[in-house]
Amino acid sequence: MQAYKLNATIDESGHLIIDEPLNIAPGKVEVIILQAVPSLETPTESQPEKPRRKSKVKAFEGLFENAPPTPPDFDADQARWEALKEKHNL
């Protein structure tokens, strides 16, 4: 089975509308929907203490604590694919 990642919209009547054309053969497909869930946290709540990241390399001990947090919508596979496309001029 081949996987494709794309964006779609669900309208008021509950129909799935794919935002871009697909270049695949006609036939039945299996659809998995991932919907972003709004956060229930309020900004006034106290934030839990960040877990400390340990490093076996002494030079990197304080580096991870000062690094900005990864955004919640960060897609590592997408970032990896973009880097490979840039590296290999795809």
C-alpha atoms as a PDB file:
ATOM      1  CA  MET A   1       0.000   0.000   0.000  1.00  0.00           C
ATOM      2  CA  GLN A   2       1.343   3.446  -0.950  1.00  0.00           C
ATOM      3  CA  ALA A   3       0.812   6.398   1.425  1.00  0.00           C
ATOM      4  CA  TYR A   4       0.141   9.998   0.389  1.00  0.00           C
ATOM      5  CA  LYS A   5       0.034  13.017   2.668  1.00  0.00           C
ATOM      6  CA  LEU A   6      -2.181  15.910   1.616  1.00  0.00           C
ATOM      7  CA  ASN A   7      -4.488  18.551   3.030  1.00  0.00           C
ATOM      8  CA  ALA A   8      -8.252  18.351   2.910  1.00  0.00           C
ATOM      9  CA  THR A   9     -11.298  20.088   4.348  1.00  0.00           C
ATOM     10  CA  ILE A  10     -14.480  18.716   5.851  1.00  0.00           C
ATOM     11  CA  ASP A  11     -17.441  20.912   4.941  1.00  0.00           C
ATOM     12  CA  GLU A  12     -20.546  21.622   7.049  1.00  0.00           C
ATOM     13  CA  SER A  13     -22.358  18.589   5.617  1.00  0.00           C
ATOM     14  CA  GLY A  14     -19.509  16.270   6.651  1.00  0.00           C
ATOM     15  CA  HIS A  15     -18.061  15.667   3.176  1.00  0.00           C
ATOM     16  CA  LEU A  16     -14.304  15.375   2.750  1.00  0.00           C
ATOM     17  CA  ILE A  17     -12.959  17.785   0.117  1.00  0.00           C
ATOM     18  CA  ILE A  18      -9.378  17.227  -1.027  1.00  0.00           C
ATOM     19  CA  ASP A  19      -7.672  20.570  -1.653  1.00  0.00           C
ATOM     20  CA  GLU A  20      -5.377  19.380  -4.460  1.00  0.00           C
ATOM     21  CA  PRO A  21      -5.699  16.974  -7.411  1.00  0.00           C
ATOM     22  CA  LEU A  22      -4.224  13.488  -7.030  1.00  0.00           C
ATOM     23  CA  ASN A  23      -2.268  11.795  -9.780  1.00  0.00           C
ATOM     24  CA  ILE A  24      -3.170   8.201  -8.874  1.00  0.00           C
ATOM     25  CA  ALA A  25      -5.171   5.466 -10.557  1.00  0.00           C
ATOM     26  CA  PRO A  26      -8.924   5.392  -9.851  1.00  0.00           C
ATOM     27  CA  GLY A  27     -10.102   2.848  -7.303  1.00  0.00           C
ATOM     28  CA  LYS A  28     -10.978   2.363  -3.656  1.00  0.00           C
ATOM     29  CA  VAL A  29      -8.688   3.930  -1.054  1.00  0.00           C
ATOM     30  CA  GLU A  30      -8.409   3.843   2.713  1.00  0.00           C
ATOM     31  CA  VAL A  31      -8.545   7.255   4.395  1.00  0.00           C
ATOM     32  CA  ILE A  32      -7.067   8.099   7.795  1.00  0.00           C
ATOM     33  CA  ILE A  33      -8.032  11.517   9.151  1.00  0.00           C
ATOM     34  CA  LEU A  34      -5.792  13.388  11.586  1.00  0.00           C
ATOM     35  CA  GLN A  35      -7.586  16.408  13.020  1.00  0.00           C
ATOM     36  CA  ALA A  36      -5.805  19.067  15.053  1.00  0.00           C
ATOM     37  CA  VAL A  37      -7.351  19.318  18.508  1.00  0.00           C
ATOM     38  CA  PRO A  38      -7.378  22.777  20.101  1.00  0.00           C
ATOM     39  CA  SER A  39      -5.412  22.955  23.325  1.00  0.00           C
ATOM     40  CA  LEU A  40      -7.458  23.249  26.499  1.00  0.00           C
ATOM     41  CA  GLU A  41      -4.635  24.913  28.430  1.00  0.00           C
ATOM     42  CA  THR A  42      -4.993  28.540  29.358  1.00  0.00           C
ATOM     43  CA  PRO A  43      -1.939  30.788  29.237  1.00  0.00           C
ATOM     44  CA  THR A  44      -2.415  31.722  32.909  1.00  0.00           C
ATOM     45  CA  GLU A  45      -1.808  28.153  34.082  1.00  0.00           C
ATOM     46  CA  SER A  46       1.657  27.464  35.354  1.00  0.00           C
ATOM     47  CA  GLN A  47       3.786  25.648  32.842  1.00  0.00           C
ATOM     48  CA  PRO A  48       5.354  22.386  34.029  1.00  0.00           C
ATOM     49  CA  GLU A  49       9.104  22.419  34.380  1.00  0.00           C
ATOM     50  CA  LYS A  50      10.857  21.324  31.204  1.00  0.00           C
ATOM     51  CA  PRO A  51      12.464  17.887  31.474  1.00  0.00           C
ATOM     52  CA  ARG A  52      16.234  18.073  31.494  1.00  0.00           C
ATOM     53  CA  ARG A  53      17.952  16.411  28.575  1.00  0.00           C
ATOM     54  CA  LYS A  54      21.117  14.578  29.423  1.00  0.00           C
ATOM     55  CA  SER A  55      24.105  14.375  27.130  1.00  0.00           C
ATOM     56  CA  LYS A  56      27.075  12.053  27.289  1.00  0.00           C
ATOM     57  CA  VAL A  57      29.185  14.754  25.634  1.00  0.00           C
ATOM     58  CA  LYS A  58      30.289  17.285  28.239  1.00  0.00           C
ATOM     59  CA  ALA A  59      30.449  20.137  25.704  1.00  0.00           C
ATOM     60  CA  PHE A  60      26.715  19.714  24.922  1.00  0.00           C
ATOM     61  CA  GLU A  61      25.436  19.651  28.523  1.00  0.00           C
ATOM     62  CA  GLY A  62      23.953  23.168  28.579  1.00  0.00           C
ATOM     63  CA  LEU A  63      23.159  23.374  24.869  1.00  0.00           C
ATOM     64  CA  PHE A  64      19.821  21.551  24.957  1.00  0.00           C
ATOM     65  CA  GLU A  65      18.434  23.597  27.855  1.00  0.00           C
ATOM     66  CA  ASN A  66      18.906  26.867  25.937  1.00  0.00           C
ATOM     67  CA  ALA A  67      17.493  25.532  22.659  1.00  0.00           C
ATOM     68  CA  PRO A  68      14.002  26.760  21.709  1.00  0.00           C
ATOM     69  CA  PRO A  69      11.243  24.157  22.078  1.00  0.00           C
ATOM     70  CA  THR A  70      10.042  22.291  19.016  1.00  0.00           C
ATOM     71  CA  PRO A  71       6.681  23.613  17.773  1.00  0.00           C
ATOM     72  CA  PRO A  72       3.780  21.186  18.322  1.00  0.00           C
ATOM     73  CA  ASP A  73       3.027  21.024  14.580  1.00  0.00           C
ATOM     74  CA  PHE A  74       6.641  20.181  13.625  1.00  0.00           C
ATOM     75  CA  ASP A  75       6.784  17.226  11.225  1.00  0.00           C
ATOM     76  CA  ALA A  76      10.231  15.605  11.348  1.00  0.00           C
ATOM     77  CA  ASP A  77       9.588  13.506   8.238  1.00  0.00           C
ATOM     78  CA  GLN A  78       8.551  16.576   6.250  1.00  0.00           C
ATOM     79  CA  ALA A  79      11.644  18.503   7.402  1.00  0.00           C
ATOM     80  CA  ARG A  80      13.862  15.552   6.492  1.00  0.00           C
ATOM     81  CA  TRP A  81      12.236  15.324   3.036  1.00  0.00           C
ATOM     82  CA  GLU A  82      12.683  19.077   2.430  1.00  0.00           C
ATOM     83  CA  ALA A  83      16.372  18.846   3.395  1.00  0.00           C
ATOM     84  CA  LEU A  84      16.916  15.885   1.054  1.00  0.00           C
ATOM     85  CA  LYS A  85      15.151  17.683  -1.811  1.00  0.00           C
ATOM     86  CA  GLU A  86      17.385  20.719  -1.303  1.00  0.00           C
ATOM     87  CA  LYS A  87      20.546  18.622  -0.982  1.00  0.00           C
ATOM     88  CA  HIS A  88      19.893  16.586  -4.131  1.00  0.00           C
ATOM     89  CA  ASN A  89      18.253  19.378  -6.178  1.00  0.00           C
ATOM     90  CA  LEU A  90      14.920  17.560  -6.542  1.00  0.00           C
END
